[in-house]
Amino acid sequence: MQFSTKHGETQLEIERMSNVEDEAVSKPIVMASAAGWYVGQVYRDAEMGFLGPWSRNSNYMSEEDAIEMYEYDFGGE
């Protein structure tokens, strides 16, 4: 799992989620797996203290296309 360093909203959300003490699910962010980039969400496991993938909210695409899709579909959140 990788997070976009080109997308400021993603960086802010990862920072916020890293500081959450309880279990939580992130807002949509731009992230990647071995299959490619997508808009998805991560889960904060409070007991284990790590972030893990929660959902994939789009198809796989380039990082630039995922950022564009995020801005179009989720930019107002």
N, C-alpha and C. Protein backbone atom coordinates (compact mmCIF):
# COMPACT_ATOMS: atom_id res chain seq x y z
N MET A 1 0.85 -1.17 0.00
CA MET A 1 0.00 0.00 0.00
C MET A 1 0.90 1.23 0.00
N GLN A 2 0.55 2.15 -0.86
CA GLN A 2 1.33 3.38 -1.03
C GLN A 2 0.35 4.54 -1.11
N PHE A 3 0.77 5.71 -0.62
CA PHE A 3 -0.07 6.90 -0.66
C PHE A 3 0.54 7.93 -1.58
N SER A 4 -0.31 8.69 -2.26
CA SER A 4 0.16 9.71 -3.19
C SER A 4 0.88 10.83 -2.44
N THR A 5 2.08 11.15 -2.87
CA THR A 5 2.80 12.30 -2.33
C THR A 5 2.54 13.54 -3.17
N LYS A 6 1.83 13.36 -4.29
CA LYS A 6 1.51 14.48 -5.18
C LYS A 6 0.17 15.12 -4.84
N HIS A 7 -0.56 14.54 -3.89
CA HIS A 7 -1.91 14.98 -3.58
C HIS A 7 -1.97 15.43 -2.12
N GLY A 8 -2.09 16.74 -1.92
CA GLY A 8 -2.07 17.32 -0.57
C GLY A 8 -3.15 16.81 0.35
N GLU A 9 -4.38 16.64 -0.17
CA GLU A 9 -5.48 16.16 0.67
C GLU A 9 -5.19 14.76 1.21
N THR A 10 -4.56 13.91 0.40
CA THR A 10 -4.20 12.57 0.84
C THR A 10 -3.19 12.66 1.98
N GLN A 11 -2.18 13.51 1.83
CA GLN A 11 -1.17 13.64 2.88
C GLN A 11 -1.78 14.13 4.19
N LEU A 12 -2.69 15.09 4.13
CA LEU A 12 -3.36 15.59 5.33
C LEU A 12 -4.19 14.51 6.00
N GLU A 13 -4.89 13.71 5.22
CA GLU A 13 -5.74 12.66 5.78
C GLU A 13 -4.90 11.56 6.41
N ILE A 14 -3.78 11.19 5.80
CA ILE A 14 -2.90 10.17 6.39
C ILE A 14 -2.33 10.68 7.71
N GLU A 15 -1.93 11.94 7.74
CA GLU A 15 -1.43 12.53 8.99
C GLU A 15 -2.50 12.51 10.07
N ARG A 16 -3.73 12.89 9.70
CA ARG A 16 -4.85 12.87 10.66
C ARG A 16 -5.10 11.47 11.17
N MET A 17 -5.15 10.50 10.27
CA MET A 17 -5.43 9.12 10.66
C MET A 17 -4.32 8.54 11.53
N SER A 18 -3.10 8.95 11.31
CA SER A 18 -1.97 8.46 12.10
C SER A 18 -2.05 8.93 13.55
N ASN A 19 -2.78 10.01 13.78
CA ASN A 19 -2.91 10.56 15.13
C ASN A 19 -4.21 10.17 15.83
N VAL A 20 -5.07 9.44 15.16
CA VAL A 20 -6.33 8.99 15.76
C VAL A 20 -6.02 7.86 16.73
N GLU A 21 -6.58 7.92 17.93
CA GLU A 21 -6.31 6.89 18.93
C GLU A 21 -7.29 5.72 18.85
N ASP A 22 -8.47 5.96 18.33
CA ASP A 22 -9.48 4.91 18.23
C ASP A 22 -9.46 4.30 16.84
N GLU A 23 -10.25 3.24 16.67
CA GLU A 23 -10.41 2.66 15.34
C GLU A 23 -11.20 3.64 14.49
N ALA A 24 -10.81 3.77 13.23
CA ALA A 24 -11.47 4.73 12.35
C ALA A 24 -11.23 4.35 10.90
N VAL A 25 -12.10 4.86 10.02
CA VAL A 25 -11.95 4.71 8.57
C VAL A 25 -11.73 6.10 8.00
N SER A 26 -10.77 6.22 7.10
CA SER A 26 -10.42 7.52 6.52
C SER A 26 -11.47 8.02 5.54
N LYS A 27 -11.33 9.28 5.19
CA LYS A 27 -12.03 9.84 4.03
C LYS A 27 -11.37 9.22 2.80
N PRO A 28 -11.99 9.34 1.62
CA PRO A 28 -11.33 8.84 0.41
C PRO A 28 -9.97 9.53 0.20
N ILE A 29 -8.99 8.74 -0.26
CA ILE A 29 -7.64 9.24 -0.53
C ILE A 29 -7.12 8.59 -1.80
N VAL A 30 -6.01 9.11 -2.32
CA VAL A 30 -5.37 8.54 -3.50
C VAL A 30 -4.27 7.60 -3.01
N MET A 31 -4.40 6.32 -3.37
CA MET A 31 -3.47 5.31 -2.89
C MET A 31 -3.22 4.27 -3.97
N ALA A 32 -2.26 3.38 -3.71
CA ALA A 32 -1.90 2.38 -4.72
C ALA A 32 -1.64 1.04 -4.07
N SER A 33 -1.85 0.01 -4.88
CA SER A 33 -1.44 -1.35 -4.54
C SER A 33 -0.55 -1.82 -5.70
N ALA A 34 -0.19 -3.07 -5.67
CA ALA A 34 0.63 -3.61 -6.76
C ALA A 34 -0.08 -3.52 -8.11
N ALA A 35 -1.42 -3.45 -8.09
CA ALA A 35 -2.19 -3.40 -9.33
C ALA A 35 -2.30 -2.02 -9.94
N GLY A 36 -2.04 -0.97 -9.16
CA GLY A 36 -2.12 0.39 -9.69
C GLY A 36 -2.70 1.36 -8.69
N TRP A 37 -2.89 2.61 -9.12
CA TRP A 37 -3.41 3.68 -8.30
C TRP A 37 -4.93 3.68 -8.31
N TYR A 38 -5.53 4.12 -7.21
CA TYR A 38 -6.98 4.19 -7.11
C TYR A 38 -7.38 5.15 -6.00
N VAL A 39 -8.66 5.48 -5.95
CA VAL A 39 -9.23 6.23 -4.83
C VAL A 39 -9.79 5.19 -3.88
N GLY A 40 -9.38 5.28 -2.63
CA GLY A 40 -9.82 4.30 -1.65
C GLY A 40 -9.80 4.86 -0.25
N GLN A 41 -9.95 3.97 0.73
CA GLN A 41 -9.96 4.37 2.13
C GLN A 41 -9.08 3.41 2.92
N VAL A 42 -8.55 3.90 4.03
CA VAL A 42 -7.75 3.07 4.93
C VAL A 42 -8.45 2.98 6.28
N TYR A 43 -8.06 1.97 7.03
CA TYR A 43 -8.61 1.69 8.35
C TYR A 43 -7.50 1.82 9.38
N ARG A 44 -7.78 2.49 10.48
CA ARG A 44 -6.81 2.61 11.58
C ARG A 44 -7.15 1.56 12.62
N ASP A 45 -6.24 0.61 12.82
CA ASP A 45 -6.40 -0.41 13.85
C ASP A 45 -5.78 0.12 15.13
N ALA A 46 -6.62 0.49 16.10
CA ALA A 46 -6.14 1.12 17.33
C ALA A 46 -5.28 0.17 18.16
N GLU A 47 -5.66 -1.09 18.20
CA GLU A 47 -4.92 -2.06 19.01
C GLU A 47 -3.52 -2.32 18.45
N MET A 48 -3.43 -2.48 17.15
CA MET A 48 -2.14 -2.78 16.51
C MET A 48 -1.38 -1.50 16.14
N GLY A 49 -2.07 -0.37 16.04
CA GLY A 49 -1.42 0.89 15.77
C GLY A 49 -0.94 1.07 14.34
N PHE A 50 -1.66 0.54 13.36
CA PHE A 50 -1.25 0.71 11.98
C PHE A 50 -2.44 1.01 11.09
N LEU A 51 -2.14 1.50 9.88
CA LEU A 51 -3.15 1.74 8.86
C LEU A 51 -3.15 0.59 7.88
N GLY A 52 -4.33 0.13 7.49
CA GLY A 52 -4.46 -0.93 6.51
C GLY A 52 -5.52 -0.57 5.49
N PRO A 53 -5.49 -1.20 4.33
CA PRO A 53 -6.50 -0.90 3.31
C PRO A 53 -7.90 -1.27 3.79
N TRP A 54 -8.87 -0.42 3.47
CA TRP A 54 -10.26 -0.66 3.87
C TRP A 54 -11.14 -0.89 2.65
N SER A 55 -11.08 0.02 1.68
CA SER A 55 -11.92 -0.14 0.49
C SER A 55 -11.26 0.48 -0.73
N ARG A 56 -11.64 -0.02 -1.88
CA ARG A 56 -11.22 0.57 -3.16
C ARG A 56 -12.48 1.15 -3.78
N ASN A 57 -12.50 2.47 -3.97
CA ASN A 57 -13.68 3.17 -4.45
C ASN A 57 -13.63 3.52 -5.93
N SER A 58 -12.64 3.00 -6.64
CA SER A 58 -12.52 3.25 -8.08
C SER A 58 -11.78 2.09 -8.72
N ASN A 59 -11.71 2.13 -10.04
CA ASN A 59 -10.88 1.18 -10.76
C ASN A 59 -9.42 1.59 -10.63
N TYR A 60 -8.51 0.74 -11.08
CA TYR A 60 -7.09 1.06 -11.09
C TYR A 60 -6.77 1.96 -12.28
N MET A 61 -5.81 2.87 -12.08
CA MET A 61 -5.45 3.85 -13.11
C MET A 61 -4.10 4.44 -12.78
N SER A 62 -3.66 5.43 -13.54
CA SER A 62 -2.41 6.14 -13.23
C SER A 62 -2.63 7.02 -12.00
N GLU A 63 -1.54 7.42 -11.37
CA GLU A 63 -1.65 8.32 -10.21
C GLU A 63 -2.31 9.64 -10.60
N GLU A 64 -1.93 10.18 -11.73
CA GLU A 64 -2.50 11.45 -12.19
C GLU A 64 -4.00 11.33 -12.41
N ASP A 65 -4.44 10.22 -13.03
CA ASP A 65 -5.87 10.02 -13.25
C ASP A 65 -6.61 9.83 -11.94
N ALA A 66 -6.00 9.15 -10.98
CA ALA A 66 -6.63 8.95 -9.67
C ALA A 66 -6.80 10.28 -8.94
N ILE A 67 -5.79 11.15 -9.04
CA ILE A 67 -5.90 12.48 -8.42
C ILE A 67 -7.02 13.28 -9.09
N GLU A 68 -7.08 13.22 -10.41
CA GLU A 68 -8.14 13.93 -11.14
C GLU A 68 -9.52 13.39 -10.75
N MET A 69 -9.64 12.08 -10.65
CA MET A 69 -10.93 11.48 -10.25
C MET A 69 -11.29 11.90 -8.83
N TYR A 70 -10.32 11.89 -7.93
CA TYR A 70 -10.57 12.33 -6.55
C TYR A 70 -11.11 13.76 -6.56
N GLU A 71 -10.44 14.65 -7.26
CA GLU A 71 -10.85 16.05 -7.29
C GLU A 71 -12.26 16.20 -7.85
N TYR A 72 -12.59 15.42 -8.86
CA TYR A 72 -13.92 15.51 -9.48
C TYR A 72 -14.99 14.89 -8.60
N ASP A 73 -14.75 13.70 -8.05
CA ASP A 73 -15.78 12.97 -7.30
C ASP A 73 -15.80 13.25 -5.80
N PHE A 74 -14.65 13.59 -5.21
CA PHE A 74 -14.59 13.71 -3.75
C PHE A 74 -14.02 15.04 -3.28
N GLY A 75 -13.68 15.92 -4.18
CA GLY A 75 -13.01 17.17 -3.81
C GLY A 75 -13.78 18.07 -2.88
N GLY A 76 -15.08 17.95 -2.85
CA GLY A 76 -15.89 18.81 -1.99
C GLY A 76 -16.11 18.28 -0.59
N GLU A 77 -15.57 17.10 -0.28
CA GLU A 77 -15.82 16.50 1.04
C GLU A 77 -14.95 17.12 2.10
